[in-house]
Amino acid sequence: MPKIQDFPWTDQEIVNLASEFPTPFHLYHEQNIRETVRGLNKAFSWCPGFRNHFAVKATPNPYIMQILREEGCGTDCSSGTELILSEKMGYVGEEIMFTSNNTPVNEYKKAMELGAVINLDDISHVEFLHQKMGLPEMVSFRFNPGPGRTGNVLIGDPKEAKFGTTLAQLMEGYRLCKEYGVKRFGLHTMVVSNCLNPEELLETARMLFTLVEKINEQLGIRIEMVNLGGGIGIPYRPEEQVIDVAAVGAGVHKLYKELIEDKGFAPLRVVMECGRYITGPAGFLVSRVVHRKRIYKNYVGVDACMANLMRPGMYGAYHHISIFRDDKQHSHLPGRNGNIPDNSQDLIINPGVFDVVGGLCENNDKFAIDRELNLEPMPGDVAVIHDSGAHGHSMGFNYNGKLRSAEYLYRPDKSVVTIRRAETLDDHFGTLDFTGAQTFGSSGIACLLIKARALATGKNILSLALLAGGCMAAMRLRR
């Protein structure tokens, strides 16, 4: 996995890319994605049938999913849309794991149609499925250990999390499924997210492997698949280290021998559902500095905003930002050497420290707060926001009418492929009915007035007079 310091392009290369493609845009490095998957597969090569079910929600793009399918990944889906995306990209059967919550029956039906592993989040869904459509041959459950484990800022305290079942519910769920004829069983949890401490991940494996024995002893059920969840983290900050995934794999193997093989529960297939770990460090949000503002703080305005990457604004997530000098004067931007106010008397932070912000009408539209940057940003410079390859574009939105940006893939031969075009105004307005809105109401007066304004602009006096008369007549009739 690459670190922030392993930026894959030279300064001039990234400036050239920002000139070739309109900013802002998301850029993914294909080779980094492939190498990360291969490293994870190697770490768990001791386990026959190991598969990483890529969390589609992280980067739901067909090109990315094709790369991952070539590297042996499955998919982890949380919605009907993600199931259909997996289907369209050739994922079949138990290559797909469906872990949703508050799930409508039509999405369960789609999962069963595809032969996906259904991972139940709620014990009440056992009876719900039994009555509505019947249970599949294989069922998995998501376990929430509650006070038995601690989470983190991203996934929350398990006691407060809406996901998963209690231990008592887990056992009852398996009992009911067995009673209703389910033949095969899996077990899953997800209690940490973006974890850089191998010991926490090993504790998850220990917890689940211990449950395998407990379920067998109390219910006579043999678990055939354990999903350790995702949770493997990435170093968002320069000082953080890449997690030793080989050590994680070796540690899980040791626990497997002790708690599974030695106790007669093998073979047990181990799988994971890493998303961020796979694509996060391989993605970059490329933007351009458009304004500088000096008031009580020093603001750097870029043409990206929270609609392109909401993690910093949503929960204060850190994303490293690098500034690349572009000395070209861009005609649509302020002058690079233009005067800016002297705010030294009002400044509440140290000089040389910046808030990097977007243009949304929201004060949390900030990529960085009180951040030292590698260069003093000037209009036209390229600002690259690192590690945006997961939960970046996929969490985008259209507040303030901001259009979602394009996605590009940088290939090993140095070519760049458009894997999602940027949205247009036609896309944005495509679900709206302007004609209906203009004629809305019983009299249609609004439509007449709109036409009158248009004719007035064109100085068509006769037509304008006729329309005005029609409006007046309509208004008299309404009285």
Protein backbone atom coordinates (compact mmCIF):
# COMPACT_ATOMS: atom_id res chain seq x y z
CA MET A 1 0.00 0.00 0.00
CA PRO A 2 1.36 3.46 -0.87
CA LYS A 3 1.93 6.13 1.79
CA ILE A 4 1.28 9.83 1.34
CA GLN A 5 4.99 10.30 0.66
CA ASP A 6 4.71 7.80 -2.23
CA PHE A 7 2.76 10.21 -4.44
CA PRO A 8 2.75 8.54 -7.87
CA TRP A 9 3.20 11.61 -10.08
CA THR A 10 5.80 14.35 -10.43
CA ASP A 11 4.79 17.95 -9.80
CA GLN A 12 4.66 18.68 -13.52
CA GLU A 13 2.67 15.53 -14.28
CA ILE A 14 -0.09 16.44 -11.82
CA VAL A 15 -0.20 20.04 -13.09
CA ASN A 16 -0.52 18.68 -16.64
CA LEU A 17 -3.36 16.36 -15.60
CA ALA A 18 -5.18 19.26 -13.97
CA SER A 19 -4.83 21.20 -17.21
CA GLU A 20 -5.99 18.32 -19.40
CA PHE A 21 -9.07 17.46 -17.34
CA PRO A 22 -11.45 20.06 -15.84
CA THR A 23 -11.11 20.28 -12.09
CA PRO A 24 -12.32 19.09 -9.70
CA PHE A 25 -12.06 15.37 -10.47
CA HIS A 26 -11.30 12.09 -8.75
CA LEU A 27 -8.26 10.21 -10.03
CA TYR A 28 -7.52 6.55 -9.23
CA HIS A 29 -4.21 4.73 -9.66
CA GLU A 30 -4.92 1.27 -11.07
CA GLN A 31 -1.59 -0.37 -10.21
CA ASN A 32 -1.85 0.69 -6.56
CA ILE A 33 -5.28 -0.95 -6.32
CA ARG A 34 -4.05 -4.20 -7.83
CA GLU A 35 -0.94 -4.37 -5.63
CA THR A 36 -2.94 -3.77 -2.46
CA VAL A 37 -5.37 -6.59 -3.28
CA ARG A 38 -2.49 -8.93 -4.06
CA GLY A 39 -0.84 -8.13 -0.75
CA LEU A 40 -4.04 -8.90 1.17
CA ASN A 41 -4.57 -12.16 -0.73
CA LYS A 42 -0.99 -13.19 -0.01
CA ALA A 43 -1.41 -12.48 3.71
CA PHE A 44 -4.35 -14.90 3.83
CA SER A 45 -3.08 -17.44 1.29
CA TRP A 46 -2.93 -20.02 4.10
CA CYS A 47 -6.74 -20.10 4.18
CA PRO A 48 -8.38 -22.05 1.32
CA GLY A 49 -11.27 -20.10 -0.14
CA PHE A 50 -10.20 -16.74 1.30
CA ARG A 51 -11.85 -13.87 -0.53
CA ASN A 52 -12.08 -10.16 0.08
CA HIS A 53 -15.63 -9.02 -0.65
CA PHE A 54 -14.93 -5.44 -1.71
CA ALA A 55 -17.29 -3.00 0.01
CA VAL A 56 -19.02 -1.59 -3.06
CA LYS A 57 -20.17 1.50 -1.15
CA ALA A 58 -16.55 2.66 -0.97
CA THR A 59 -16.09 3.12 -4.72
CA PRO A 60 -19.11 1.95 -6.74
CA ASN A 61 -17.64 2.25 -10.21
CA PRO A 62 -17.81 -0.54 -12.84
CA TYR A 63 -14.18 -0.07 -13.92
CA ILE A 64 -12.94 -0.40 -10.34
CA MET A 65 -15.13 -3.46 -9.85
CA GLN A 66 -13.77 -5.03 -13.04
CA ILE A 67 -10.21 -4.58 -11.78
CA LEU A 68 -11.15 -6.16 -8.46
CA ARG A 69 -12.92 -9.08 -10.10
CA GLU A 70 -9.77 -9.78 -12.11
CA GLU A 71 -7.83 -9.81 -8.82
CA GLY A 72 -10.18 -12.38 -7.26
CA CYS A 73 -12.38 -10.16 -5.11
CA GLY A 74 -16.07 -10.62 -4.44
CA THR A 75 -18.45 -7.84 -3.47
CA ASP A 76 -20.03 -6.72 -0.23
CA CYS A 77 -23.36 -5.04 -0.95
CA SER A 78 -25.55 -2.93 1.32
CA SER A 79 -28.39 -2.09 -1.05
CA GLY A 80 -30.34 -3.35 -4.03
CA THR A 81 -28.50 -0.91 -6.29
CA GLU A 82 -25.14 -2.36 -5.26
CA LEU A 83 -26.48 -5.87 -5.92
CA ILE A 84 -27.47 -4.86 -9.45
CA LEU A 85 -24.09 -3.20 -10.01
CA SER A 86 -22.40 -6.45 -8.94
CA GLU A 87 -24.65 -8.43 -11.26
CA LYS A 88 -23.88 -6.16 -14.20
CA MET A 89 -20.15 -6.62 -13.61
CA GLY A 90 -20.35 -10.40 -13.64
CA TYR A 91 -20.26 -11.24 -9.95
CA VAL A 92 -22.33 -14.33 -9.26
CA GLY A 93 -23.60 -16.47 -6.39
CA GLU A 94 -21.60 -16.47 -3.19
CA GLU A 95 -19.06 -14.07 -4.67
CA ILE A 96 -21.66 -11.55 -3.44
CA MET A 97 -22.37 -10.93 0.22
CA PHE A 98 -25.47 -8.92 1.07
CA THR A 99 -25.13 -7.15 4.41
CA SER A 100 -27.86 -4.54 4.72
CA ASN A 101 -29.97 -3.07 7.48
CA ASN A 102 -33.59 -1.97 7.63
CA THR A 103 -33.93 -3.93 4.41
CA PRO A 104 -37.04 -4.01 2.17
CA VAL A 105 -38.22 -7.37 0.88
CA ASN A 106 -37.53 -6.54 -2.79
CA GLU A 107 -33.82 -6.20 -2.01
CA TYR A 108 -33.80 -9.57 -0.24
CA LYS A 109 -35.52 -11.06 -3.29
CA LYS A 110 -32.81 -9.67 -5.55
CA ALA A 111 -30.09 -11.09 -3.29
CA MET A 112 -31.73 -14.52 -3.36
CA GLU A 113 -32.18 -14.31 -7.13
CA LEU A 114 -28.43 -13.76 -7.47
CA GLY A 115 -27.58 -16.52 -4.99
CA ALA A 116 -25.78 -14.05 -2.72
CA VAL A 117 -24.91 -14.84 0.88
CA ILE A 118 -27.57 -13.08 2.94
CA ASN A 119 -26.10 -11.65 6.13
CA LEU A 120 -28.95 -10.77 8.50
CA ASP A 121 -28.65 -7.68 10.65
CA ASP A 122 -31.82 -8.18 12.69
CA ILE A 123 -33.30 -11.30 14.27
CA SER A 124 -36.82 -10.15 13.35
CA HIS A 125 -35.86 -10.54 9.70
CA VAL A 126 -35.75 -14.32 10.11
CA GLU A 127 -39.50 -14.50 10.52
CA PHE A 128 -39.98 -11.69 8.00
CA LEU A 129 -38.14 -13.61 5.29
CA HIS A 130 -39.69 -16.94 6.26
CA GLN A 131 -43.16 -15.50 5.76
CA LYS A 132 -42.53 -13.30 2.72
CA MET A 133 -40.26 -15.41 0.54
CA GLY A 134 -38.70 -18.27 2.44
CA LEU A 135 -35.19 -18.49 3.79
CA PRO A 136 -32.20 -19.34 1.58
CA GLU A 137 -30.07 -22.44 2.03
CA MET A 138 -27.32 -20.37 3.67
CA VAL A 139 -27.77 -17.59 6.23
CA SER A 140 -25.20 -15.49 8.03
CA PHE A 141 -25.73 -13.15 10.99
CA ARG A 142 -24.05 -9.89 11.92
CA PHE A 143 -23.03 -9.89 15.57
CA ASN A 144 -22.83 -6.72 17.66
CA PRO A 145 -20.83 -7.38 20.85
CA GLY A 146 -22.17 -4.27 22.59
CA PRO A 147 -20.25 -3.51 25.78
CA GLY A 148 -17.88 -6.38 25.04
CA ARG A 149 -15.92 -4.26 22.56
CA THR A 150 -15.15 -0.61 21.88
CA GLY A 151 -15.47 1.01 18.45
CA ASN A 152 -14.02 4.26 17.17
CA VAL A 153 -15.16 7.61 15.82
CA LEU A 154 -15.95 6.20 12.38
CA ILE A 155 -18.05 3.21 13.34
CA GLY A 156 -19.14 4.33 16.81
CA ASP A 157 -19.55 2.60 20.14
CA PRO A 158 -21.08 -0.85 19.49
CA LYS A 159 -23.66 -0.19 22.23
CA GLU A 160 -24.85 2.85 20.28
CA ALA A 161 -24.63 1.28 16.81
CA LYS A 162 -27.77 0.37 14.92
CA PHE A 163 -26.08 -2.64 13.33
CA GLY A 164 -26.16 -6.30 14.26
CA THR A 165 -27.66 -8.57 16.90
CA THR A 166 -26.99 -9.11 20.58
CA LEU A 167 -25.48 -12.42 21.66
CA ALA A 168 -28.83 -13.76 22.84
CA GLN A 169 -30.46 -12.72 19.57
CA LEU A 170 -27.62 -14.27 17.60
CA MET A 171 -28.15 -17.66 19.24
CA GLU A 172 -31.91 -17.48 18.84
CA GLY A 173 -31.55 -16.45 15.21
CA TYR A 174 -29.45 -19.49 14.41
CA ARG A 175 -31.91 -21.74 16.27
CA LEU A 176 -34.85 -20.37 14.29
CA CYS A 177 -33.03 -20.69 10.99
CA LYS A 178 -32.15 -24.30 11.74
CA GLU A 179 -35.79 -24.96 12.66
CA TYR A 180 -36.92 -23.43 9.35
CA GLY A 181 -34.58 -25.67 7.35
CA VAL A 182 -31.50 -23.54 6.74
CA LYS A 183 -28.58 -25.91 6.08
CA ARG A 184 -25.49 -23.69 5.96
CA PHE A 185 -24.37 -20.89 8.26
CA GLY A 186 -21.99 -17.94 8.38
CA LEU A 187 -20.94 -15.44 11.07
CA HIS A 188 -19.95 -11.79 10.65
CA THR A 189 -19.09 -8.69 12.63
CA MET A 190 -17.78 -5.18 12.02
CA VAL A 191 -16.69 -3.44 15.19
CA VAL A 192 -13.73 -1.31 14.10
CA SER A 193 -13.14 0.91 11.10
CA ASN A 194 -9.90 2.33 9.70
CA CYS A 195 -7.91 0.39 12.29
CA LEU A 196 -4.10 0.61 12.14
CA ASN A 197 -3.54 -1.60 15.19
CA PRO A 198 -3.19 -5.29 14.23
CA GLU A 199 -4.08 -6.38 17.77
CA GLU A 200 -7.59 -4.93 17.49
CA LEU A 201 -8.18 -6.85 14.28
CA LEU A 202 -6.86 -10.04 15.85
CA GLU A 203 -9.21 -9.55 18.78
CA THR A 204 -12.09 -9.55 16.32
CA ALA A 205 -10.90 -12.87 14.89
CA ARG A 206 -10.53 -14.32 18.40
CA MET A 207 -14.06 -13.21 19.30
CA LEU A 208 -15.61 -14.78 16.20
CA PHE A 209 -13.61 -18.01 16.35
CA THR A 210 -14.67 -18.41 20.00
CA LEU A 211 -18.29 -17.90 18.98
CA VAL A 212 -17.94 -20.67 16.38
CA GLU A 213 -17.30 -23.10 19.23
CA LYS A 214 -20.11 -21.68 21.40
CA ILE A 215 -22.66 -21.93 18.58
CA ASN A 216 -21.65 -25.52 17.87
CA GLU A 217 -21.82 -26.55 21.51
CA GLN A 218 -25.19 -24.95 22.24
CA LEU A 219 -27.00 -25.44 18.94
CA GLY A 220 -25.20 -28.20 17.08
CA ILE A 221 -24.62 -25.81 14.19
CA ARG A 222 -21.36 -25.87 12.27
CA ILE A 223 -20.31 -22.45 11.00
CA GLU A 224 -18.68 -22.77 7.57
CA MET A 225 -17.75 -19.13 6.93
CA VAL A 226 -16.52 -16.33 9.17
CA ASN A 227 -16.44 -12.78 7.84
CA LEU A 228 -13.98 -10.69 9.84
CA GLY A 229 -15.47 -7.52 8.40
CA GLY A 230 -13.36 -4.76 6.92
CA GLY A 231 -11.73 -2.38 9.32
CA ILE A 232 -8.15 -2.51 8.05
CA GLY A 233 -7.09 1.11 8.06
CA ILE A 234 -4.98 3.39 5.93
CA PRO A 235 -2.51 6.09 7.02
CA TYR A 236 -4.39 9.31 6.33
CA ARG A 237 -1.71 11.35 8.12
CA PRO A 238 1.94 11.53 6.96
CA GLU A 239 3.23 10.40 10.33
CA GLU A 240 1.07 7.26 10.40
CA GLN A 241 2.47 3.91 9.32
CA VAL A 242 0.98 1.44 6.87
CA ILE A 243 -0.50 -1.50 8.75
CA ASP A 244 1.48 -4.73 8.45
CA VAL A 245 -1.16 -6.80 6.71
CA ALA A 246 1.17 -9.81 6.57
CA ALA A 247 1.33 -9.71 10.38
CA VAL A 248 -2.47 -9.52 10.53
CA GLY A 249 -2.75 -12.57 8.27
CA ALA A 250 -0.17 -14.48 10.31
CA GLY A 251 -1.90 -13.55 13.57
CA VAL A 252 -5.29 -14.71 12.31
CA HIS A 253 -3.67 -17.94 11.10
CA LYS A 254 -2.27 -18.61 14.58
CA LEU A 255 -5.70 -18.06 16.14
CA TYR A 256 -7.27 -20.27 13.47
CA LYS A 257 -4.96 -23.15 14.37
CA GLU A 258 -5.63 -22.71 18.08
CA LEU A 259 -9.39 -22.09 18.09
CA ILE A 260 -10.58 -23.77 14.89
CA GLU A 261 -8.24 -26.49 13.68
CA ASP A 262 -7.22 -27.84 17.10
CA LYS A 263 -10.86 -27.99 18.21
CA GLY A 264 -12.11 -29.79 15.13
CA PHE A 265 -14.03 -26.95 13.44
CA ALA A 266 -11.96 -26.87 10.25
CA PRO A 267 -12.41 -26.37 7.40
CA LEU A 268 -13.73 -22.89 8.09
CA ARG A 269 -13.59 -20.33 5.32
CA VAL A 270 -12.33 -16.88 6.37
CA VAL A 271 -13.37 -13.85 4.31
CA MET A 272 -13.16 -10.09 4.69
CA GLU A 273 -14.96 -7.02 3.29
CA CYS A 274 -12.26 -4.37 2.99
CA GLY A 275 -13.13 -1.35 0.87
CA ARG A 276 -11.20 1.67 2.17
CA TYR A 277 -8.00 -0.38 2.49
CA ILE A 278 -8.19 -1.35 -1.19
CA THR A 279 -9.05 1.89 -2.97
CA GLY A 280 -8.63 4.68 -0.40
CA PRO A 281 -4.90 5.42 -0.87
CA ALA A 282 -5.19 4.91 -4.63
CA GLY A 283 -7.61 7.82 -5.06
CA PHE A 284 -7.01 11.58 -5.17
CA LEU A 285 -9.36 14.54 -5.43
CA VAL A 286 -7.67 16.99 -7.79
CA SER A 287 -8.83 20.59 -7.47
CA ARG A 288 -7.59 24.08 -8.19
CA VAL A 289 -7.12 27.09 -5.91
CA VAL A 290 -9.61 29.77 -6.99
CA HIS A 291 -9.57 32.41 -4.24
CA ARG A 292 -7.76 33.57 -1.13
CA LYS A 293 -9.59 35.31 1.68
CA ARG A 294 -8.13 37.06 4.72
CA ILE A 295 -10.35 37.89 7.69
CA TYR A 296 -9.97 36.43 11.19
CA LYS A 297 -8.41 33.37 9.56
CA ASN A 298 -6.61 32.70 6.30
CA TYR A 299 -8.86 30.88 3.83
CA VAL A 300 -7.87 29.04 0.69
CA GLY A 301 -10.83 28.48 -1.61
CA VAL A 302 -10.69 25.54 -4.02
CA ASP A 303 -13.11 24.53 -6.78
CA ALA A 304 -13.92 21.24 -5.02
CA CYS A 305 -16.29 21.24 -2.07
CA MET A 306 -17.91 18.99 0.49
CA ALA A 307 -20.17 17.67 -2.28
CA ASN A 308 -17.06 16.02 -3.76
CA LEU A 309 -15.66 14.72 -0.46
CA MET A 310 -17.82 14.99 2.61
CA ARG A 311 -15.72 13.07 5.16
CA PRO A 312 -13.87 16.11 6.58
CA GLY A 313 -17.08 18.12 6.96
CA MET A 314 -19.14 15.16 8.16
CA TYR A 315 -16.96 13.96 11.02
CA GLY A 316 -13.75 15.95 10.93
CA ALA A 317 -11.76 13.30 9.07
CA TYR A 318 -8.19 14.25 8.17
CA HIS A 319 -7.16 14.20 4.51
CA HIS A 320 -3.68 15.36 3.62
CA ILE A 321 -3.49 18.21 1.11
CA SER A 322 -0.59 18.97 -1.22
CA ILE A 323 -0.23 22.20 -3.20
CA PHE A 324 1.44 22.07 -6.62
CA ARG A 325 2.62 25.29 -8.19
CA ASP A 326 1.06 26.23 -11.52
CA ASP A 327 2.53 29.55 -12.64
CA LYS A 328 0.16 29.90 -15.57
CA GLN A 329 -2.28 32.80 -15.27
CA HIS A 330 -5.80 31.40 -15.69
CA SER A 331 -8.13 33.96 -17.25
CA HIS A 332 -11.13 32.96 -15.11
CA LEU A 333 -9.22 33.36 -11.83
CA PRO A 334 -7.89 36.33 -9.85
CA GLY A 335 -4.34 37.42 -10.56
CA ARG A 336 -1.70 35.30 -8.87
CA ASN A 337 -0.02 38.38 -7.43
CA GLY A 338 -3.19 40.30 -6.72
CA ASN A 339 -3.46 42.30 -3.54
CA ILE A 340 -5.19 40.68 -0.60
CA PRO A 341 -6.12 42.42 2.64
CA ASP A 342 -3.68 42.72 5.50
CA ASN A 343 -5.48 40.92 8.32
CA SER A 344 -2.57 40.84 10.74
CA GLN A 345 -4.51 42.88 13.31
CA ASP A 346 -7.54 40.57 13.23
CA LEU A 347 -5.86 37.19 12.76
CA ILE A 348 -6.74 34.66 15.48
CA ILE A 349 -4.30 31.98 14.31
CA ASN A 350 -0.64 31.92 13.36
CA PRO A 351 0.41 33.27 9.95
CA GLY A 352 1.01 30.54 7.40
CA VAL A 353 -1.86 28.40 8.69
CA PHE A 354 -4.92 27.93 6.51
CA ASP A 355 -8.46 26.67 6.32
CA VAL A 356 -8.98 24.99 2.94
CA VAL A 357 -12.61 25.45 1.96
CA GLY A 358 -15.14 24.84 -0.78
CA GLY A 359 -17.95 27.05 -2.03
CA LEU A 360 -21.00 25.53 -0.36
CA CYS A 361 -23.25 27.71 1.76
CA GLU A 362 -22.28 25.69 4.83
CA ASN A 363 -19.59 26.58 7.35
CA ASN A 364 -18.48 22.95 7.67
CA ASP A 365 -17.54 22.89 3.98
CA LYS A 366 -13.88 22.63 4.93
CA PHE A 367 -11.23 20.15 3.82
CA ALA A 368 -8.75 21.36 6.41
CA ILE A 369 -8.82 23.59 9.47
CA ASP A 370 -5.75 25.40 10.82
CA ARG A 371 -3.53 23.44 8.45
CA GLU A 372 0.07 24.16 7.53
CA LEU A 373 0.55 23.55 3.81
CA ASN A 374 3.67 22.72 1.84
CA LEU A 375 3.36 25.92 -0.23
CA GLU A 376 1.61 29.27 0.11
CA PRO A 377 -1.43 28.63 -2.16
CA MET A 378 -2.10 31.07 -4.97
CA PRO A 379 -4.97 31.22 -7.49
CA GLY A 380 -4.38 28.64 -10.20
CA ASP A 381 -2.27 26.28 -8.12
CA VAL A 382 -3.34 22.64 -8.02
CA ALA A 383 -4.56 21.33 -4.66
CA VAL A 384 -4.56 17.54 -4.35
CA ILE A 385 -6.53 15.96 -1.53
CA HIS A 386 -5.07 12.56 -0.75
CA ASP A 387 -6.69 9.22 0.10
CA SER A 388 -10.08 10.05 -1.38
CA GLY A 389 -10.42 6.75 -3.23
CA ALA A 390 -12.98 5.35 -0.79
CA HIS A 391 -16.13 7.08 0.46
CA GLY A 392 -15.22 10.07 -1.68
CA HIS A 393 -17.17 10.36 -4.91
CA SER A 394 -19.63 7.73 -3.65
CA MET A 395 -20.79 9.99 -0.81
CA GLY A 396 -21.22 12.99 -3.09
CA PHE A 397 -24.39 15.04 -3.23
CA ASN A 398 -25.94 18.01 -5.04
CA TYR A 399 -26.53 20.61 -2.34
CA ASN A 400 -26.47 24.15 -3.77
CA GLY A 401 -26.85 22.53 -7.17
CA LYS A 402 -23.20 21.44 -7.18
CA LEU A 403 -22.60 18.92 -9.95
CA ARG A 404 -20.79 15.70 -9.17
CA SER A 405 -17.34 15.50 -10.68
CA ALA A 406 -15.78 13.09 -13.15
CA GLU A 407 -13.75 10.02 -12.23
CA TYR A 408 -10.59 9.03 -14.11
CA LEU A 409 -8.40 5.93 -13.98
CA TYR A 410 -4.63 6.21 -14.38
CA ARG A 411 -3.48 3.00 -16.02
CA PRO A 412 -0.07 1.23 -15.80
CA ASP A 413 0.79 2.39 -19.34
CA LYS A 414 0.26 6.01 -18.13
CA SER A 415 -2.92 6.45 -20.14
CA VAL A 416 -5.97 7.99 -18.47
CA VAL A 417 -9.45 6.55 -18.94
CA THR A 418 -12.69 8.36 -18.16
CA ILE A 419 -14.60 5.96 -15.93
CA ARG A 420 -17.40 8.37 -15.06
CA ARG A 421 -18.14 11.63 -16.83
CA ALA A 422 -18.95 14.75 -14.87
CA GLU A 423 -22.60 15.58 -14.28
CA THR A 424 -24.19 18.28 -16.42
CA LEU A 425 -26.98 20.72 -15.69
CA ASP A 426 -29.21 18.54 -17.88
CA ASP A 427 -28.46 15.59 -15.56
CA HIS A 428 -29.19 17.69 -12.52
CA PHE A 429 -32.48 19.08 -13.80
CA GLY A 430 -33.48 15.88 -15.58
CA THR A 431 -35.87 14.70 -12.86
CA LEU A 432 -37.70 18.02 -12.63
CA ASP A 433 -40.80 19.11 -14.57
CA PHE A 434 -40.30 22.77 -15.46
CA THR A 435 -43.19 22.85 -17.94
CA GLY A 436 -45.61 21.50 -15.37
CA ALA A 437 -44.32 23.92 -12.76
CA GLN A 438 -44.83 26.89 -15.07
CA THR A 439 -48.47 25.94 -15.69
CA PHE A 440 -49.06 24.87 -12.09
CA GLY A 441 -52.42 26.07 -10.74
CA SER A 442 -55.92 26.04 -12.13
CA SER A 443 -55.72 29.26 -14.18
CA GLY A 444 -52.31 28.92 -15.80
CA ILE A 445 -51.68 32.61 -15.01
CA ALA A 446 -48.12 31.84 -13.97
CA CYS A 447 -47.37 30.44 -17.41
CA LEU A 448 -48.88 33.49 -19.12
CA LEU A 449 -46.81 35.85 -17.00
CA ILE A 450 -43.63 33.93 -17.77
CA LYS A 451 -44.35 34.17 -21.48
CA ALA A 452 -45.14 37.86 -21.10
CA ARG A 453 -41.78 38.50 -19.49
CA ALA A 454 -40.05 36.61 -22.30
CA LEU A 455 -41.89 38.63 -24.95
CA ALA A 456 -41.10 41.86 -23.15
CA THR A 457 -37.43 41.01 -23.39
CA GLY A 458 -37.88 40.50 -27.11
CA LYS A 459 -39.81 43.82 -27.48
CA ASN A 460 -42.80 42.10 -29.12
CA ILE A 461 -45.28 44.81 -28.01
CA LEU A 462 -48.42 43.50 -29.72
CA SER A 463 -48.08 39.97 -28.39
CA LEU A 464 -47.22 41.37 -24.98
CA ALA A 465 -50.41 43.48 -24.96
CA LEU A 466 -52.53 40.47 -25.92
CA LEU A 467 -50.99 38.35 -23.17
CA ALA A 468 -51.42 41.10 -20.60
CA GLY A 469 -55.07 41.36 -21.54
CA GLY A 470 -55.46 37.61 -21.17
CA CYS A 471 -53.91 37.70 -17.73
CA MET A 472 -56.23 40.49 -16.60
CA ALA A 473 -59.28 38.62 -17.91
CA ALA A 474 -58.23 35.43 -16.15
CA MET A 475 -57.76 37.31 -12.89
CA ARG A 476 -61.25 38.88 -13.17
CA LEU A 477 -62.78 35.44 -13.73
CA ARG A 478 -61.07 34.11 -10.60
CA ARG A 479 -62.72 36.86 -8.56
